[in-house]
Amino acid sequence: MVWLALLASPDRSSVGSNQDILRRADQARGNLEGITWNVTFTQEGGKGNDPMKFGVKARGFDILAENMDPPKYRGNKILMVNGNMWFHRPDISKPVPISQRQKLSGNAAYGDIASTNYANDYEATLLGEERIDGESCYVFDLLAKDKRATYDRIKYRISKQREVGVKAEYFTVSGKIFKSAAMRYDNNAKIGGTTRPFISKILIYDELMSSDITVLNFKNTGFQRLPDYIFNLNMLRK
């Protein structure tokens, strides 16, 4: 595997461990207690599909996502609790276990709709630093701890100043890159009493088969206490 040229390894004595840096970046991708948002999937390039819209409720790393559009999928639900994921639609009797790695729309997997938990799901090795669009970033090599994680291996850049993930490349077990992503943070969230950037858009690029781009737009972000029953598998059919 060939990595891009990296700058000298940084002095991180004041910012904590690799996991600390990942944990703060996770907070800008939904790792909060009680948050709701709408996410719309659209396709750029190729034939494309109808835009797909979900209403998402998240608490920590548990999520409930309900399909709002297109009409033929309305009422379909996705639940993730403790890293396990299920799919349910109105015409089936009980939820079906699914993998975070299964394709959802375009280049996006089911796991892309959820909050990231990279600090716990991956072993992180700091490779050095890189500049992305003029911004100094840590570069991490992330290896999945088990098969429930959405990706086996990620090369992940985190802004040193903003403490958010700005770019990722996703690899197969054999080391072949199959897609990449760029993240934007035009939303805001109050985390630990401090207002910080929060995810607003993810662009996912196909690195193997086409020039298609899958765009995830996150809007109407709100913060509220969410009761336990929302994340109860037995309530998914309600």
Protein backbone atom coordinates (compact mmCIF):
# COMPACT_ATOMS: atom_id res chain seq x y z
CA MET A 1 0.00 0.00 0.00
CA VAL A 2 1.32 3.43 -0.91
CA TRP A 3 0.58 6.28 1.49
CA LEU A 4 0.83 9.93 0.54
CA ALA A 5 3.90 11.77 1.79
CA LEU A 6 3.49 12.75 5.44
CA LEU A 7 5.05 15.49 7.48
CA ALA A 8 6.96 14.84 10.67
CA SER A 9 5.02 13.27 13.53
CA PRO A 10 3.49 15.93 15.77
CA ASP A 11 4.04 16.66 19.43
CA ARG A 12 0.65 15.77 20.96
CA SER A 13 1.54 16.06 24.63
CA SER A 14 -1.17 18.68 25.14
CA VAL A 15 -4.00 16.96 23.24
CA GLY A 16 -3.99 13.44 24.66
CA SER A 17 -3.86 9.96 23.16
CA ASN A 18 -4.90 8.80 19.71
CA GLN A 19 -8.21 7.63 21.17
CA ASP A 20 -8.77 11.03 22.82
CA ILE A 21 -8.38 12.76 19.44
CA LEU A 22 -10.74 10.27 17.77
CA ARG A 23 -13.27 10.66 20.56
CA ARG A 24 -13.43 14.43 20.12
CA ALA A 25 -13.80 13.97 16.35
CA ASP A 26 -16.61 11.46 16.99
CA GLN A 27 -18.49 14.12 18.94
CA ALA A 28 -18.88 16.15 15.72
CA ARG A 29 -20.42 13.12 13.98
CA GLY A 30 -23.25 12.41 16.43
CA ASN A 31 -21.62 11.06 19.59
CA LEU A 32 -23.94 13.02 21.87
CA GLU A 33 -26.69 12.27 24.38
CA GLY A 34 -29.97 13.02 22.66
CA ILE A 35 -29.81 14.41 19.14
CA THR A 36 -32.10 14.39 16.10
CA TRP A 37 -31.46 15.27 12.47
CA ASN A 38 -32.67 14.68 8.93
CA VAL A 39 -30.27 13.19 6.42
CA THR A 40 -30.88 13.17 2.66
CA PHE A 41 -28.98 10.90 0.26
CA THR A 42 -28.56 12.15 -3.32
CA GLN A 43 -26.46 10.90 -6.23
CA GLU A 44 -24.25 12.96 -8.54
CA GLY A 45 -23.06 11.44 -11.83
CA GLY A 46 -24.35 8.32 -13.53
CA LYS A 47 -28.05 7.48 -13.63
CA GLY A 48 -28.61 8.24 -9.98
CA ASN A 49 -31.57 7.27 -7.80
CA ASP A 50 -34.46 9.11 -6.21
CA PRO A 51 -33.28 11.15 -3.21
CA MET A 52 -33.66 9.16 0.02
CA LYS A 53 -34.48 10.96 3.26
CA PHE A 54 -34.33 9.70 6.84
CA GLY A 55 -35.34 11.17 10.16
CA VAL A 56 -32.70 10.10 12.69
CA LYS A 57 -32.75 9.98 16.48
CA ALA A 58 -29.46 9.20 18.21
CA ARG A 59 -28.32 8.78 21.78
CA GLY A 60 -24.69 7.99 22.26
CA PHE A 61 -24.03 5.42 19.52
CA ASP A 62 -27.56 4.02 19.36
CA ILE A 63 -29.74 5.27 16.50
CA LEU A 64 -33.25 4.95 15.13
CA ALA A 65 -33.67 6.06 11.51
CA GLU A 66 -37.05 6.18 9.78
CA ASN A 67 -37.34 6.50 6.01
CA MET A 68 -39.36 9.57 5.00
CA ASP A 69 -38.81 9.61 1.21
CA PRO A 70 -39.25 8.34 -1.46
CA PRO A 71 -42.87 7.29 -0.76
CA LYS A 72 -42.28 3.63 -1.67
CA TYR A 73 -39.84 3.30 1.25
CA ARG A 74 -41.75 5.46 3.73
CA GLY A 75 -42.06 3.84 7.15
CA ASN A 76 -38.99 1.61 6.77
CA LYS A 77 -36.84 1.76 9.90
CA ILE A 78 -33.23 1.07 10.88
CA LEU A 79 -32.25 0.49 14.50
CA MET A 80 -28.72 0.19 15.86
CA VAL A 81 -28.10 -0.70 19.52
CA ASN A 82 -24.70 -1.64 20.97
CA GLY A 83 -23.25 -1.99 17.48
CA ASN A 84 -25.95 -4.41 16.28
CA MET A 85 -28.28 -3.26 13.49
CA TRP A 86 -31.77 -4.27 12.34
CA PHE A 87 -34.06 -3.32 9.45
CA HIS A 88 -37.86 -3.28 9.58
CA ARG A 89 -40.57 -2.32 7.09
CA PRO A 90 -44.34 -2.24 7.61
CA ASP A 91 -45.07 -5.40 5.59
CA ILE A 92 -42.79 -7.81 7.50
CA SER A 93 -43.58 -9.43 10.83
CA LYS A 94 -40.33 -8.81 12.67
CA PRO A 95 -37.06 -6.88 12.29
CA VAL A 96 -34.28 -8.43 10.22
CA PRO A 97 -30.64 -8.30 11.40
CA ILE A 98 -28.42 -6.45 8.91
CA SER A 99 -24.76 -5.49 8.69
CA GLN A 100 -23.51 -1.91 8.92
CA ARG A 101 -21.50 -2.78 5.79
CA GLN A 102 -24.51 -3.47 3.56
CA LYS A 103 -25.17 -0.98 0.78
CA LEU A 104 -27.89 1.56 1.57
CA SER A 105 -27.85 4.08 -1.28
CA GLY A 106 -25.23 4.75 -3.95
CA ASN A 107 -21.79 4.58 -2.32
CA ALA A 108 -23.22 4.80 1.20
CA ALA A 109 -23.49 1.85 3.60
CA TYR A 110 -26.06 1.46 6.35
CA GLY A 111 -23.36 2.32 8.88
CA ASP A 112 -22.85 5.75 7.28
CA ILE A 113 -26.21 6.90 8.60
CA ALA A 114 -25.13 6.26 12.21
CA SER A 115 -22.95 8.16 14.64
CA THR A 116 -19.28 7.30 14.34
CA ASN A 117 -17.62 5.45 17.20
CA TYR A 118 -14.13 5.29 15.76
CA ALA A 119 -12.52 5.74 19.19
CA ASN A 120 -13.94 2.39 20.34
CA ASP A 121 -14.42 0.49 17.07
CA TYR A 122 -10.88 0.91 15.71
CA GLU A 123 -7.26 0.56 16.74
CA ALA A 124 -5.58 3.83 15.79
CA THR A 125 -2.00 4.39 14.65
CA LEU A 126 -0.79 7.93 14.08
CA LEU A 127 1.02 8.13 10.72
CA GLY A 128 1.95 11.81 10.91
CA GLU A 129 0.45 15.02 9.61
CA GLU A 130 -0.87 16.25 6.28
CA ARG A 131 -2.31 19.51 4.98
CA ILE A 132 -5.86 19.26 3.58
CA ASP A 133 -7.10 22.43 1.86
CA GLY A 134 -4.50 24.41 3.76
CA GLU A 135 -5.46 22.92 7.13
CA SER A 136 -3.02 20.93 9.24
CA CYS A 137 -4.42 17.48 10.03
CA TYR A 138 -3.45 14.39 11.98
CA VAL A 139 -3.41 11.29 9.77
CA PHE A 140 -4.51 8.02 11.38
CA ASP A 141 -4.51 4.44 10.18
CA LEU A 142 -7.60 2.80 11.71
CA LEU A 143 -8.03 -0.98 11.90
CA ALA A 144 -11.43 -2.41 12.86
CA LYS A 145 -11.50 -4.38 16.10
CA ASP A 146 -14.31 -6.67 14.84
CA LYS A 147 -16.51 -7.30 11.81
CA ARG A 148 -19.41 -5.24 13.15
CA ALA A 149 -17.56 -2.03 12.24
CA THR A 150 -18.67 -0.46 8.95
CA TYR A 151 -15.18 -0.62 7.39
CA ASP A 152 -12.15 -2.89 7.83
CA ARG A 153 -9.58 -0.15 7.52
CA ILE A 154 -9.69 3.65 7.24
CA LYS A 155 -7.09 6.29 6.58
CA TYR A 156 -8.56 9.22 8.47
CA ARG A 157 -7.55 12.87 8.60
CA ILE A 158 -8.58 14.97 11.60
CA SER A 159 -8.21 18.75 11.68
CA LYS A 160 -5.81 19.74 14.47
CA GLN A 161 -7.54 23.06 15.05
CA ARG A 162 -11.22 22.10 14.71
CA GLU A 163 -10.88 18.50 15.97
CA VAL A 164 -13.17 17.09 13.27
CA GLY A 165 -12.61 14.41 10.63
CA VAL A 166 -12.23 16.06 7.22
CA LYS A 167 -11.22 13.24 4.86
CA ALA A 168 -11.26 9.45 4.82
CA GLU A 169 -10.19 6.62 2.55
CA TYR A 170 -11.71 3.17 3.00
CA PHE A 171 -9.77 -0.05 2.32
CA THR A 172 -10.48 -3.73 1.91
CA VAL A 173 -8.70 -6.28 4.09
CA SER A 174 -6.20 -6.77 1.24
CA GLY A 175 -5.35 -3.06 1.31
CA LYS A 176 -7.23 -1.89 -1.79
CA ILE A 177 -8.98 1.47 -1.60
CA PHE A 178 -12.60 1.23 -2.76
CA LYS A 179 -14.09 4.58 -1.76
CA SER A 180 -13.24 7.87 -0.10
CA ALA A 181 -15.11 10.68 1.62
CA ALA A 182 -14.89 14.38 2.43
CA MET A 183 -16.77 15.89 5.39
CA ARG A 184 -18.10 19.39 6.03
CA TYR A 185 -19.20 20.96 9.31
CA ASP A 186 -21.49 23.94 8.74
CA ASN A 187 -23.78 22.97 11.64
CA ASN A 188 -22.98 23.72 15.29
CA ALA A 189 -23.48 21.82 18.53
CA LYS A 190 -22.85 22.66 22.19
CA ILE A 191 -20.52 19.99 23.57
CA GLY A 192 -19.35 20.23 27.17
CA GLY A 193 -20.50 23.83 27.34
CA THR A 194 -18.54 24.78 24.21
CA THR A 195 -20.02 25.43 20.77
CA ARG A 196 -18.27 23.27 18.20
CA PRO A 197 -18.68 22.42 14.50
CA PHE A 198 -21.10 19.58 13.77
CA ILE A 199 -21.45 17.45 10.64
CA SER A 200 -23.47 19.00 7.78
CA LYS A 201 -22.39 17.09 4.65
CA ILE A 202 -20.50 13.95 3.61
CA LEU A 203 -19.46 13.35 0.00
CA ILE A 204 -18.64 9.70 -0.73
CA TYR A 205 -16.63 8.91 -3.88
CA ASP A 206 -16.43 5.58 -5.71
CA GLU A 207 -12.74 4.79 -6.25
CA LEU A 208 -13.23 1.60 -8.29
CA MET A 209 -16.18 1.48 -10.67
CA SER A 210 -17.42 4.97 -11.53
CA SER A 211 -17.23 8.71 -10.98
CA ASP A 212 -20.50 8.69 -9.00
CA ILE A 213 -20.67 10.76 -5.82
CA THR A 214 -23.13 10.06 -3.01
CA VAL A 215 -23.97 13.17 -1.00
CA LEU A 216 -25.34 13.02 2.54
CA ASN A 217 -26.83 16.31 3.75
CA PHE A 218 -27.54 16.66 7.49
CA LYS A 219 -30.16 19.26 8.39
CA ASN A 220 -32.58 20.30 11.15
CA THR A 221 -30.22 19.22 13.91
CA GLY A 222 -31.87 19.37 17.33
CA PHE A 223 -30.88 18.41 20.86
CA GLN A 224 -33.26 16.79 23.33
CA ARG A 225 -33.50 14.00 25.87
CA LEU A 226 -34.53 10.74 24.20
CA PRO A 227 -36.32 8.02 26.22
CA ASP A 228 -35.15 4.41 26.36
CA TYR A 229 -38.13 2.99 24.46
CA ILE A 230 -36.99 4.67 21.22
CA PHE A 231 -34.04 2.27 21.09
CA ASN A 232 -35.98 -0.85 22.15
CA LEU A 233 -36.00 -3.54 19.44
CA ASN A 234 -39.44 -4.75 20.60
CA MET A 235 -40.86 -1.31 19.80
CA LEU A 236 -39.49 -1.17 16.26
CA ARG A 237 -42.79 -2.39 14.76
CA LYS A 238 -44.80 0.40 16.44
